[in-house]
C-alpha atoms as a PDB file:
ATOM      1  CA  UNK A   1      -7.822 -10.123   1.444  1.00  0.00           C
ATOM      2  CA  UNK A   2      -7.418  -8.853  -2.077  1.00  0.00           C
ATOM      3  CA  UNK A   3      -4.400  -6.460  -1.280  1.00  0.00           C
ATOM      4  CA  UNK A   4      -2.656  -9.293   0.615  1.00  0.00           C
ATOM      5  CA  UNK A   5      -3.197 -11.465  -2.625  1.00  0.00           C
ATOM      6  CA  UNK A   6      -1.595  -8.565  -4.435  1.00  0.00           C
ATOM      7  CA  UNK A   7       1.303  -8.360  -2.107  1.00  0.00           C
ATOM      8  CA  UNK A   8       1.853 -12.324  -2.239  1.00  0.00           C
ATOM      9  CA  UNK A   9       1.918 -11.935  -6.044  1.00  0.00           C
ATOM     10  CA  UNK A  10       4.610  -9.262  -6.000  1.00  0.00           C
ATOM     11  CA  UNK A  11       6.575 -11.395  -3.709  1.00  0.00           C
ATOM     12  CA  UNK A  12       6.376 -14.377  -5.996  1.00  0.00           C
ATOM     13  CA  UNK A  13       7.349 -12.068  -8.983  1.00  0.00           C
ATOM     14  CA  UNK A  14      10.213 -10.900  -7.053  1.00  0.00           C
ATOM     15  CA  UNK A  15      11.443 -14.326  -6.217  1.00  0.00           C
ATOM     16  CA  UNK A  16      11.968 -14.962  -9.829  1.00  0.00           C
ATOM     17  CA  UNK A  17      14.682 -12.270 -10.094  1.00  0.00           C
ATOM     18  CA  UNK A  18      16.976 -13.986  -7.366  1.00  0.00           C
ATOM     19  CA  UNK A  19      18.697 -16.047  -9.851  1.00  0.00           C
ATOM     20  CA  UNK A  20      20.517 -12.840 -10.771  1.00  0.00           C
ATOM     21  CA  UNK A  21      21.957 -12.335  -7.521  1.00  0.00           C
ATOM     22  CA  UNK A  22      23.469 -15.947  -6.929  1.00  0.00           C
ATOM     23  CA  UNK A  23      26.510 -14.586  -5.660  1.00  0.00           C
ATOM     24  CA  UNK A  24      24.487 -12.705  -2.799  1.00  0.00           C
ATOM     25  CA  UNK A  25      22.080 -14.167  -0.158  1.00  0.00           C
ATOM     26  CA  UNK A  26      18.490 -12.485  -1.198  1.00  0.00           C
ATOM     27  CA  UNK A  27      16.183 -11.383   1.781  1.00  0.00           C
ATOM     28  CA  UNK A  28      12.560 -10.300   0.844  1.00  0.00           C
ATOM     29  CA  UNK A  29      11.413  -7.473   2.951  1.00  0.00           C
ATOM     30  CA  UNK A  30       7.917  -6.026   3.725  1.00  0.00           C
ATOM     31  CA  UNK A  31       8.409  -2.308   4.832  1.00  0.00           C
ATOM     32  CA  UNK A  32       5.594   0.071   5.718  1.00  0.00           C
ATOM     33  CA  UNK A  33       5.297   3.910   4.871  1.00  0.00           C
ATOM     34  CA  UNK A  34       7.744   4.373   1.924  1.00  0.00           C
ATOM     35  CA  UNK A  35      10.016   7.297   2.767  1.00  0.00           C
ATOM     36  CA  UNK A  36       9.875   7.436   6.265  1.00  0.00           C
ATOM     37  CA  UNK A  37      13.460   7.994   7.848  1.00  0.00           C
ATOM     38  CA  UNK A  38      13.727   4.956  10.089  1.00  0.00           C
ATOM     39  CA  UNK A  39      11.447   2.688   8.103  1.00  0.00           C
ATOM     40  CA  UNK A  40      13.917   3.586   5.191  1.00  0.00           C
ATOM     41  CA  UNK A  41      17.124   1.973   6.774  1.00  0.00           C
ATOM     42  CA  UNK A  42      17.323  -1.165   4.624  1.00  0.00           C
ATOM     43  CA  UNK A  43      16.619   1.072   1.448  1.00  0.00           C
ATOM     44  CA  UNK A  44      19.293   3.616   2.103  1.00  0.00           C
ATOM     45  CA  UNK A  45      21.668   0.900   3.386  1.00  0.00           C
ATOM     46  CA  UNK A  46      21.294  -0.922  -0.074  1.00  0.00           C
ATOM     47  CA  UNK A  47      21.673   2.337  -1.937  1.00  0.00           C
ATOM     48  CA  UNK A  48      24.670   2.941   0.147  1.00  0.00           C
ATOM     49  CA  UNK A  49      26.291  -0.548  -0.432  1.00  0.00           C
ATOM     50  CA  UNK A  50      26.310  -1.494   2.935  1.00  0.00           C
ATOM     51  CA  UNK A  51      24.154  -4.580   2.779  1.00  0.00           C
ATOM     52  CA  UNK A  52      25.955  -5.779  -0.377  1.00  0.00           C
ATOM     53  CA  UNK A  53      29.231  -5.609   1.787  1.00  0.00           C
ATOM     54  CA  UNK A  54      27.641  -8.353   3.979  1.00  0.00           C
ATOM     55  CA  UNK A  55      26.841 -10.427   1.206  1.00  0.00           C
ATOM     56  CA  UNK A  56      23.047  -9.477   0.983  1.00  0.00           C
ATOM     57  CA  UNK A  57      20.635  -8.202  -1.796  1.00  0.00           C
ATOM     58  CA  UNK A  58      17.383  -6.821  -0.201  1.00  0.00           C
ATOM     59  CA  UNK A  59      13.967  -7.053  -2.340  1.00  0.00           C
ATOM     60  CA  UNK A  60      11.810  -4.774  -0.676  1.00  0.00           C
ATOM     61  CA  UNK A  61       7.990  -4.616  -0.979  1.00  0.00           C
ATOM     62  CA  UNK A  62       6.396  -1.464   0.442  1.00  0.00           C
ATOM     63  CA  UNK A  63       3.170  -1.704   2.345  1.00  0.00           C
ATOM     64  CA  UNK A  64       0.853   0.927   3.692  1.00  0.00           C
ATOM     65  CA  UNK A  65       1.291  -0.014   7.525  1.00  0.00           C
ATOM     66  CA  UNK A  66       2.919  -2.596   9.724  1.00  0.00           C
ATOM     67  CA  UNK A  67       0.014  -5.275  10.392  1.00  0.00           C
ATOM     68  CA  UNK A  68      -0.182  -5.570   6.461  1.00  0.00           C
ATOM     69  CA  UNK A  69       3.654  -6.432   6.468  1.00  0.00           C
ATOM     70  CA  UNK A  70       2.998  -9.110   9.244  1.00  0.00           C
ATOM     71  CA  UNK A  71       0.391 -10.795   7.294  1.00  0.00           C
ATOM     72  CA  UNK A  72       2.832 -11.099   4.342  1.00  0.00           C
ATOM     73  CA  UNK A  73       5.297 -12.474   6.752  1.00  0.00           C
ATOM     74  CA  UNK A  74       3.021 -15.021   8.257  1.00  0.00           C
ATOM     75  CA  UNK A  75       1.882 -15.924   4.682  1.00  0.00           C
ATOM     76  CA  UNK A  76       5.507 -16.537   3.822  1.00  0.00           C
ATOM     77  CA  UNK A  77       5.621 -14.190   1.014  1.00  0.00           C
ATOM     78  CA  UNK A  78       8.614 -12.352   2.639  1.00  0.00           C
ATOM     79  CA  UNK A  79      11.375 -13.142   5.107  1.00  0.00           C
ATOM     80  CA  UNK A  80      11.463 -10.075   7.358  1.00  0.00           C
ATOM     81  CA  UNK A  81       8.761  -7.335   8.266  1.00  0.00           C
ATOM     82  CA  UNK A  82      10.347  -4.320   9.361  1.00  0.00           C
ATOM     83  CA  UNK A  83       9.112  -1.324  11.396  1.00  0.00           C
ATOM     84  CA  UNK A  84       6.027  -3.348  12.500  1.00  0.00           C
ATOM     85  CA  UNK A  85       3.798  -1.826  15.472  1.00  0.00           C
ATOM     86  CA  UNK A  86       5.031  -3.703  18.855  1.00  0.00           C
ATOM     87  CA  UNK A  87       1.417  -4.206  19.891  1.00  0.00           C
ATOM     88  CA  UNK A  88       0.567  -5.881  16.646  1.00  0.00           C
ATOM     89  CA  UNK A  89       3.573  -8.101  16.828  1.00  0.00           C
ATOM     90  CA  UNK A  90       3.050  -9.207  20.436  1.00  0.00           C
ATOM     91  CA  UNK A  91      -0.692  -9.687  19.746  1.00  0.00           C
ATOM     92  CA  UNK A  92      -0.339 -11.640  16.736  1.00  0.00           C
ATOM     93  CA  UNK A  93       2.341 -13.936  18.276  1.00  0.00           C
ATOM     94  CA  UNK A  94      -0.171 -14.564  21.242  1.00  0.00           C
ATOM     95  CA  UNK A  95      -2.651 -15.871  18.697  1.00  0.00           C
ATOM     96  CA  UNK A  96      -0.394 -18.447  17.791  1.00  0.00           C
ATOM     97  CA  UNK A  97       1.388 -16.837  14.580  1.00  0.00           C
ATOM     98  CA  UNK A  98       4.836 -18.150  13.832  1.00  0.00           C
ATOM     99  CA  UNK A  99       6.679 -14.495  14.007  1.00  0.00           C
ATOM    100  CA  UNK A 100       9.958 -13.756  15.824  1.00  0.00           C
ATOM    101  CA  UNK A 101      11.464 -10.623  16.748  1.00  0.00           C
ATOM    102  CA  UNK A 102      14.958  -9.885  15.519  1.00  0.00           C
ATOM    103  CA  UNK A 103      15.412  -6.243  16.606  1.00  0.00           C
ATOM    104  CA  UNK A 104      13.890  -3.215  18.008  1.00  0.00           C
ATOM    105  CA  UNK A 105      13.126  -0.656  15.145  1.00  0.00           C
ATOM    106  CA  UNK A 106      12.431   2.429  17.070  1.00  0.00           C
ATOM    107  CA  UNK A 107      12.149   3.397  20.770  1.00  0.00           C
ATOM    108  CA  UNK A 108       9.523   5.799  21.697  1.00  0.00           C
ATOM    109  CA  UNK A 109       7.748   7.714  19.150  1.00  0.00           C
ATOM    110  CA  UNK A 110       9.643  10.717  18.207  1.00  0.00           C
ATOM    111  CA  UNK A 111       8.691  10.610  14.462  1.00  0.00           C
ATOM    112  CA  UNK A 112       4.952  10.616  15.202  1.00  0.00           C
ATOM    113  CA  UNK A 113       2.536  13.514  15.217  1.00  0.00           C
ATOM    114  CA  UNK A 114      -1.181  14.678  14.773  1.00  0.00           C
ATOM    115  CA  UNK A 115      -2.021  17.506  12.837  1.00  0.00           C
ATOM    116  CA  UNK A 116      -4.979  19.419  11.414  1.00  0.00           C
ATOM    117  CA  UNK A 117      -5.385  21.696   8.367  1.00  0.00           C
ATOM    118  CA  UNK A 118      -4.534  25.509   8.791  1.00  0.00           C
ATOM    119  CA  UNK A 119      -8.049  26.409   9.056  1.00  0.00           C
ATOM    120  CA  UNK A 120      -9.280  23.808  11.199  1.00  0.00           C
ATOM    121  CA  UNK A 121     -10.979  25.145  14.617  1.00  0.00           C
ATOM    122  CA  UNK A 122      -8.897  22.455  16.235  1.00  0.00           C
ATOM    123  CA  UNK A 123      -6.368  24.281  18.450  1.00  0.00           C
ATOM    124  CA  UNK A 124      -5.247  22.123  21.272  1.00  0.00           C
ATOM    125  CA  UNK A 125      -5.614  18.534  22.430  1.00  0.00           C
ATOM    126  CA  UNK A 126      -8.968  18.840  24.188  1.00  0.00           C
ATOM    127  CA  UNK A 127     -10.481  19.950  20.989  1.00  0.00           C
ATOM    128  CA  UNK A 128     -10.106  16.300  19.826  1.00  0.00           C
ATOM    129  CA  UNK A 129     -12.934  15.563  22.111  1.00  0.00           C
ATOM    130  CA  UNK A 130     -15.721  14.166  19.664  1.00  0.00           C
ATOM    131  CA  UNK A 131     -13.545  14.535  16.643  1.00  0.00           C
ATOM    132  CA  UNK A 132     -12.274  11.734  14.354  1.00  0.00           C
ATOM    133  CA  UNK A 133      -8.465  11.157  14.750  1.00  0.00           C
ATOM    134  CA  UNK A 134      -6.357   9.094  12.142  1.00  0.00           C
ATOM    135  CA  UNK A 135      -4.332   6.172  12.500  1.00  0.00           C
ATOM    136  CA  UNK A 136      -2.994   3.795   9.736  1.00  0.00           C
ATOM    137  CA  UNK A 137      -4.313   0.293  10.607  1.00  0.00           C
ATOM    138  CA  UNK A 138      -5.278  -1.724  13.800  1.00  0.00           C
ATOM    139  CA  UNK A 139      -2.247  -2.863  15.599  1.00  0.00           C
ATOM    140  CA  UNK A 140       0.058  -0.244  14.047  1.00  0.00           C
ATOM    141  CA  UNK A 141       2.407   2.163  15.902  1.00  0.00           C
ATOM    142  CA  UNK A 142       0.372   4.986  15.015  1.00  0.00           C
ATOM    143  CA  UNK A 143      -2.801   3.161  16.462  1.00  0.00           C
ATOM    144  CA  UNK A 144      -1.053   2.287  19.837  1.00  0.00           C
ATOM    145  CA  UNK A 145       0.296   5.827  19.817  1.00  0.00           C
ATOM    146  CA  UNK A 146      -3.222   7.447  19.380  1.00  0.00           C
ATOM    147  CA  UNK A 147      -4.645   5.150  22.057  1.00  0.00           C
ATOM    148  CA  UNK A 148      -1.804   6.237  24.522  1.00  0.00           C
ATOM    149  CA  UNK A 149      -2.365   9.810  23.699  1.00  0.00           C
ATOM    150  CA  UNK A 150      -6.298   9.331  24.496  1.00  0.00           C
ATOM    151  CA  UNK A 151      -5.435   7.810  27.609  1.00  0.00           C
ATOM    152  CA  UNK A 152      -3.104  10.071  28.939  1.00  0.00           C
ATOM    153  CA  UNK A 153      -5.076  13.123  28.251  1.00  0.00           C
ATOM    154  CA  UNK A 154      -8.556  11.650  28.877  1.00  0.00           C
ATOM    155  CA  UNK A 155      -9.936  12.431  25.372  1.00  0.00           C
ATOM    156  CA  UNK A 156     -13.338  11.403  24.123  1.00  0.00           C
ATOM    157  CA  UNK A 157     -11.796  11.147  20.662  1.00  0.00           C
ATOM    158  CA  UNK A 158     -12.935   8.733  17.707  1.00  0.00           C
ATOM    159  CA  UNK A 159      -9.936   6.635  16.402  1.00  0.00           C
ATOM    160  CA  UNK A 160     -10.085   6.337  12.583  1.00  0.00           C
ATOM    161  CA  UNK A 161      -8.312   4.126  10.427  1.00  0.00           C
ATOM    162  CA  UNK A 162      -7.109   5.837   7.300  1.00  0.00           C
ATOM    163  CA  UNK A 163      -4.305   3.671   5.863  1.00  0.00           C
ATOM    164  CA  UNK A 164      -1.323   5.152   4.528  1.00  0.00           C
ATOM    165  CA  UNK A 165       0.272   8.627   5.513  1.00  0.00           C
ATOM    166  CA  UNK A 166      -0.388   9.870   1.929  1.00  0.00           C
ATOM    167  CA  UNK A 167      -3.909   8.510   2.068  1.00  0.00           C
ATOM    168  CA  UNK A 168      -4.271  10.179   5.585  1.00  0.00           C
ATOM    169  CA  UNK A 169      -3.158  13.575   4.070  1.00  0.00           C
ATOM    170  CA  UNK A 170      -5.877  13.477   1.627  1.00  0.00           C
ATOM    171  CA  UNK A 171      -8.644  12.628   3.897  1.00  0.00           C
ATOM    172  CA  UNK A 172      -7.659  15.134   6.493  1.00  0.00           C
ATOM    173  CA  UNK A 173      -7.231  18.068   3.896  1.00  0.00           C
ATOM    174  CA  UNK A 174     -10.663  17.011   2.416  1.00  0.00           C
ATOM    175  CA  UNK A 175     -12.397  16.896   5.820  1.00  0.00           C
ATOM    176  CA  UNK A 176     -13.142  13.186   5.665  1.00  0.00           C
ATOM    177  CA  UNK A 177     -11.120  13.089   9.244  1.00  0.00           C
ATOM    178  CA  UNK A 178     -10.675  15.759  11.516  1.00  0.00           C
ATOM    179  CA  UNK A 179      -7.273  15.204  12.823  1.00  0.00           C
ATOM    180  CA  UNK A 180      -4.304  13.526  10.749  1.00  0.00           C
ATOM    181  CA  UNK A 181      -1.451  11.552  11.779  1.00  0.00           C
ATOM    182  CA  UNK A 182       2.130  11.898  10.221  1.00  0.00           C
ATOM    183  CA  UNK A 183       5.726  10.611  10.555  1.00  0.00           C
ATOM    184  CA  UNK A 184       8.779  12.711   9.968  1.00  0.00           C
ATOM    185  CA  UNK A 185       9.656  13.780   7.379  1.00  0.00           C
ATOM    186  CA  UNK A 186       6.128  13.496   5.831  1.00  0.00           C
ATOM    187  CA  UNK A 187       4.378  16.903   6.113  1.00  0.00           C
ATOM    188  CA  UNK A 188       7.193  18.837   7.484  1.00  0.00           C
ATOM    189  CA  UNK A 189       7.207  20.867   4.006  1.00  0.00           C
ATOM    190  CA  UNK A 190       3.299  21.357   4.627  1.00  0.00           C
ATOM    191  CA  UNK A 191       4.072  22.732   8.133  1.00  0.00           C
ATOM    192  CA  UNK A 192       6.717  25.146   6.742  1.00  0.00           C
ATOM    193  CA  UNK A 193       4.352  26.634   4.231  1.00  0.00           C
ATOM    194  CA  UNK A 194       1.472  26.836   6.602  1.00  0.00           C
ATOM    195  CA  UNK A 195      -0.844  24.363   5.219  1.00  0.00           C
ATOM    196  CA  UNK A 196      -1.152  22.312   8.309  1.00  0.00           C
ATOM    197  CA  UNK A 197      -0.647  22.781  12.048  1.00  0.00           C
ATOM    198  CA  UNK A 198       0.826  20.208  14.516  1.00  0.00           C
ATOM    199  CA  UNK A 199      -1.242  19.685  17.494  1.00  0.00           C
ATOM    200  CA  UNK A 200       0.950  16.935  19.271  1.00  0.00           C
ATOM    201  CA  UNK A 201       3.634  14.514  18.867  1.00  0.00           C
ATOM    202  CA  UNK A 202       4.728  11.122  20.167  1.00  0.00           C
ATOM    203  CA  UNK A 203       7.037  12.984  22.456  1.00  0.00           C
ATOM    204  CA  UNK A 204       3.848  14.265  24.343  1.00  0.00           C
ATOM    205  CA  UNK A 205       2.948  10.877  25.320  1.00  0.00           C
ATOM    206  CA  UNK A 206       4.981   9.747  28.354  1.00  0.00           C
ATOM    207  CA  UNK A 207       4.343   6.045  27.991  1.00  0.00           C
ATOM    208  CA  UNK A 208       5.724   6.001  24.520  1.00  0.00           C
ATOM    209  CA  UNK A 209       9.249   7.350  25.424  1.00  0.00           C
ATOM    210  CA  UNK A 210      10.909   4.468  27.101  1.00  0.00           C
ATOM    211  CA  UNK A 211       9.597   1.461  25.387  1.00  0.00           C
ATOM    212  CA  UNK A 212      10.079   0.091  21.791  1.00  0.00           C
ATOM    213  CA  UNK A 213       7.426   1.152  19.549  1.00  0.00           C
ATOM    214  CA  UNK A 214       8.192  -0.815  16.359  1.00  0.00           C
ATOM    215  CA  UNK A 215      10.124  -3.981  15.824  1.00  0.00           C
ATOM    216  CA  UNK A 216      11.722  -5.926  13.022  1.00  0.00           C
ATOM    217  CA  UNK A 217      10.265  -9.342  12.510  1.00  0.00           C
ATOM    218  CA  UNK A 218      10.992 -12.673  10.694  1.00  0.00           C
ATOM    219  CA  UNK A 219       9.080 -15.838  10.828  1.00  0.00           C
ATOM    220  CA  UNK A 220      10.027 -19.109  12.754  1.00  0.00           C
ATOM    221  CA  UNK A 221      11.030 -20.956   9.383  1.00  0.00           C
ATOM    222  CA  UNK A 222      13.444 -18.196   8.281  1.00  0.00           C
ATOM    223  CA  UNK A 223      14.970 -17.961  11.690  1.00  0.00           C
ATOM    224  CA  UNK A 224      15.411 -21.728  11.739  1.00  0.00           C
ATOM    225  CA  UNK A 225      17.171 -22.004   8.329  1.00  0.00           C
ATOM    226  CA  UNK A 226      18.845 -18.544   7.953  1.00  0.00           C
ATOM    227  CA  UNK A 227      20.150 -17.449  11.235  1.00  0.00           C
ATOM    228  CA  UNK A 228      23.365 -16.409   9.490  1.00  0.00           C
ATOM    229  CA  UNK A 229      21.801 -14.357   6.977  1.00  0.00           C
ATOM    230  CA  UNK A 230      19.638 -12.611   9.668  1.00  0.00           C
ATOM    231  CA  UNK A 231      22.558 -11.837  11.621  1.00  0.00           C
ATOM    232  CA  UNK A 232      24.247 -10.220   8.786  1.00  0.00           C
ATOM    233  CA  UNK A 233      21.176  -8.346   8.134  1.00  0.00           C
ATOM    234  CA  UNK A 234      21.199  -6.888  11.606  1.00  0.00           C
ATOM    235  CA  UNK A 235      24.925  -6.195  11.390  1.00  0.00           C
ATOM    236  CA  UNK A 236      24.362  -4.178   8.027  1.00  0.00           C
ATOM    237  CA  UNK A 237      21.483  -2.401   9.647  1.00  0.00           C
ATOM    238  CA  UNK A 238      23.609  -1.129  12.493  1.00  0.00           C
ATOM    239  CA  UNK A 239      26.359  -0.004  10.025  1.00  0.00           C
ATOM    240  CA  UNK A 240      23.669   1.780   8.232  1.00  0.00           C
ATOM    241  CA  UNK A 241      22.449   3.731  11.051  1.00  0.00           C
ATOM    242  CA  UNK A 242      25.835   4.779  11.819  1.00  0.00           C
ATOM    243  CA  UNK A 243      26.213   6.016   8.354  1.00  0.00           C
ATOM    244  CA  UNK A 244      23.043   7.826   8.370  1.00  0.00           C
ATOM    245  CA  UNK A 245      23.891   9.948  11.426  1.00  0.00           C
ATOM    246  CA  UNK A 246      27.454  10.545  10.467  1.00  0.00           C
ATOM    247  CA  UNK A 247      27.927  11.001   6.623  1.00  0.00           C
ATOM    248  CA  UNK A 248      26.353  14.022   4.779  1.00  0.00           C
ATOM    249  CA  UNK A 249      25.933  11.699   1.700  1.00  0.00           C
ATOM    250  CA  UNK A 250      23.487   9.590   3.302  1.00  0.00           C
ATOM    251  CA  UNK A 251      20.983  12.660   3.442  1.00  0.00           C
ATOM    252  CA  UNK A 252      21.281  13.398  -0.441  1.00  0.00           C
ATOM    253  CA  UNK A 253      20.395   9.600  -0.928  1.00  0.00           C
ATOM    254  CA  UNK A 254      17.522  10.021   1.494  1.00  0.00           C
ATOM    255  CA  UNK A 255      16.247  13.179  -0.190  1.00  0.00           C
ATOM    256  CA  UNK A 256      16.226  11.305  -3.365  1.00  0.00           C
ATOM    257  CA  UNK A 257      14.617   8.427  -2.077  1.00  0.00           C
ATOM    258  CA  UNK A 258      11.605  10.110   0.183  1.00  0.00           C
ATOM    259  CA  UNK A 259      11.403  12.829  -2.416  1.00  0.00           C
ATOM    260  CA  UNK A 260      11.600  15.613   0.139  1.00  0.00           C
ATOM    261  CA  UNK A 261      13.299  18.895   0.190  1.00  0.00           C
ATOM    262  CA  UNK A 262      17.056  18.713   1.263  1.00  0.00           C
ATOM    263  CA  UNK A 263      16.168  21.656   3.991  1.00  0.00           C
ATOM    264  CA  UNK A 264      13.604  19.274   5.320  1.00  0.00           C
ATOM    265  CA  UNK A 265      15.744  16.360   5.348  1.00  0.00           C
ATOM    266  CA  UNK A 266      18.477  18.484   7.521  1.00  0.00           C
ATOM    267  CA  UNK A 267      15.619  18.503  10.580  1.00  0.00           C
ATOM    268  CA  UNK A 268      15.120  14.620  10.310  1.00  0.00           C
ATOM    269  CA  UNK A 269      18.353  13.611  12.437  1.00  0.00           C
ATOM    270  CA  UNK A 270      17.447  16.255  14.889  1.00  0.00           C
ATOM    271  CA  UNK A 271      13.842  15.031  15.207  1.00  0.00           C
ATOM    272  CA  UNK A 272      14.788  11.405  15.358  1.00  0.00           C
ATOM    273  CA  UNK A 273      18.000  10.808  17.452  1.00  0.00           C
ATOM    274  CA  UNK A 274      20.159   7.972  16.747  1.00  0.00           C
ATOM    275  CA  UNK A 275      19.705   6.357  20.010  1.00  0.00           C
ATOM    276  CA  UNK A 276      16.009   5.869  19.252  1.00  0.00           C
ATOM    277  CA  UNK A 277      16.929   3.501  16.233  1.00  0.00           C
ATOM    278  CA  UNK A 278      19.198   1.218  18.303  1.00  0.00           C
ATOM    279  CA  UNK A 279      18.403  -2.606  17.483  1.00  0.00           C
ATOM    280  CA  UNK A 280      20.077  -4.733  19.943  1.00  0.00           C
ATOM    281  CA  UNK A 281      17.296  -5.175  22.398  1.00  0.00           C
ATOM    282  CA  UNK A 282      13.529  -4.640  22.938  1.00  0.00           C
ATOM    283  CA  UNK A 283      12.991  -2.456  25.745  1.00  0.00           C
ATOM    284  CA  UNK A 284       9.879  -2.000  28.076  1.00  0.00           C
ATOM    285  CA  UNK A 285       8.458  -5.451  27.687  1.00  0.00           C
ATOM    286  CA  UNK A 286       6.270  -5.362  30.637  1.00  0.00           C
ATOM    287  CA  UNK A 287       4.951  -1.962  29.531  1.00  0.00           C
ATOM    288  CA  UNK A 288       4.473  -3.195  26.075  1.00  0.00           C
ATOM    289  CA  UNK A 289       2.190  -6.250  27.251  1.00  0.00           C
ATOM    290  CA  UNK A 290       0.133  -4.221  29.752  1.00  0.00           C
ATOM    291  CA  UNK A 291      -0.538  -1.720  27.003  1.00  0.00           C
ATOM    292  CA  UNK A 292      -1.305  -4.358  24.483  1.00  0.00           C
ATOM    293  CA  UNK A 293      -3.787  -6.201  26.973  1.00  0.00           C
ATOM    294  CA  UNK A 294      -5.407  -2.687  27.932  1.00  0.00           C
ATOM    295  CA  UNK A 295      -6.139  -2.000  24.238  1.00  0.00           C
ATOM    296  CA  UNK A 296      -7.128  -5.517  23.755  1.00  0.00           C
ATOM    297  CA  UNK A 297      -4.538  -6.822  21.279  1.00  0.00           C
ATOM    298  CA  UNK A 298      -3.763  -9.473  24.041  1.00  0.00           C
ATOM    299  CA  UNK A 299      -5.670 -11.211  26.732  1.00  0.00           C
ATOM    300  CA  UNK A 300      -2.791 -12.120  28.936  1.00  0.00           C
ATOM    301  CA  UNK A 301       0.851 -11.557  29.296  1.00  0.00           C
ATOM    302  CA  UNK A 302       3.291 -13.751  27.576  1.00  0.00           C
ATOM    303  CA  UNK A 303       5.076 -16.211  30.035  1.00  0.00           C
ATOM    304  CA  UNK A 304       8.947 -16.054  30.293  1.00  0.00           C
ATOM    305  CA  UNK A 305       9.322 -19.004  27.880  1.00  0.00           C
ATOM    306  CA  UNK A 306       6.799 -17.416  25.335  1.00  0.00           C
ATOM    307  CA  UNK A 307       9.136 -14.144  25.266  1.00  0.00           C
ATOM    308  CA  UNK A 308      12.014 -16.479  24.912  1.00  0.00           C
ATOM    309  CA  UNK A 309      10.404 -17.962  21.997  1.00  0.00           C
ATOM    310  CA  UNK A 310       9.240 -14.583  20.479  1.00  0.00           C
ATOM    311  CA  UNK A 311      12.402 -12.240  21.053  1.00  0.00           C
ATOM    312  CA  UNK A 312      15.732 -13.017  19.410  1.00  0.00           C
ATOM    313  CA  UNK A 313      17.288  -9.693  19.240  1.00  0.00           C
ATOM    314  CA  UNK A 314      20.293 -10.280  21.358  1.00  0.00           C
ATOM    315  CA  UNK A 315      21.366 -13.448  19.749  1.00  0.00           C
ATOM    316  CA  UNK A 316      21.255 -12.093  16.323  1.00  0.00           C
ATOM    317  CA  UNK A 317      23.525  -9.073  16.889  1.00  0.00           C
END
């Protein structure tokens, strides 16, 4: 609750700056995992001038994980929560929260991986049995991904919440948790210089490949009152994705934003293909609900009417 209070205070302070952007519509965003390639789309698009061309100014608040962003959205501190785990989104809506999906953020989990320090005795997935394995926060995409990994390989691992990716690195390298989780490009430099070894990735989990793993959200009040701004947000977001996968200049901007070496940045577009960050529709809805129920994020499938109330991706393209 204290962290949420700090987030809301930051949102309130940011609101005071909106008067300087009177010529543009201001959208306040909560974005998890600062520096991640896909979660960085709003930041990169703003730095590249794309959102400004659509009459938008983004005020971005970074959080440690998607569930934290969702709480800020519910509380009204932000207009949009991007890159939120789909299990948390469906489960939170099912509990009555006034949140709405405005687009898919990533399909599959090509960015997600699990790693150990170089000296760890863990060499293969079966070695996860009896070990603590990290995820960020309950309901996040890393949590859902880990549960799917455990289910597919029938592991007896111990899921352990470790917060942000940077906090997870510290806990993994100091032995507080046996297996860490990461997301591209975080840790690729540590792989290259031999400090960590990747044991598995999101691509190893069959159930993750064909459904949306994270989504972009707004709240019901913003959807009702600012639909045009949300539509322009999605348009600028799509243009940013096109730019990120076509213009070499975007990689230099990303390297500066994420503080990663340019030789690492060059691999990012290979590891996270462009079609995985398409936003126009949420895919694998039935599978998403089945997994959410299995993992106790929901107690029953959403009805057709509830799904229509929750998902607004198509109408905002």
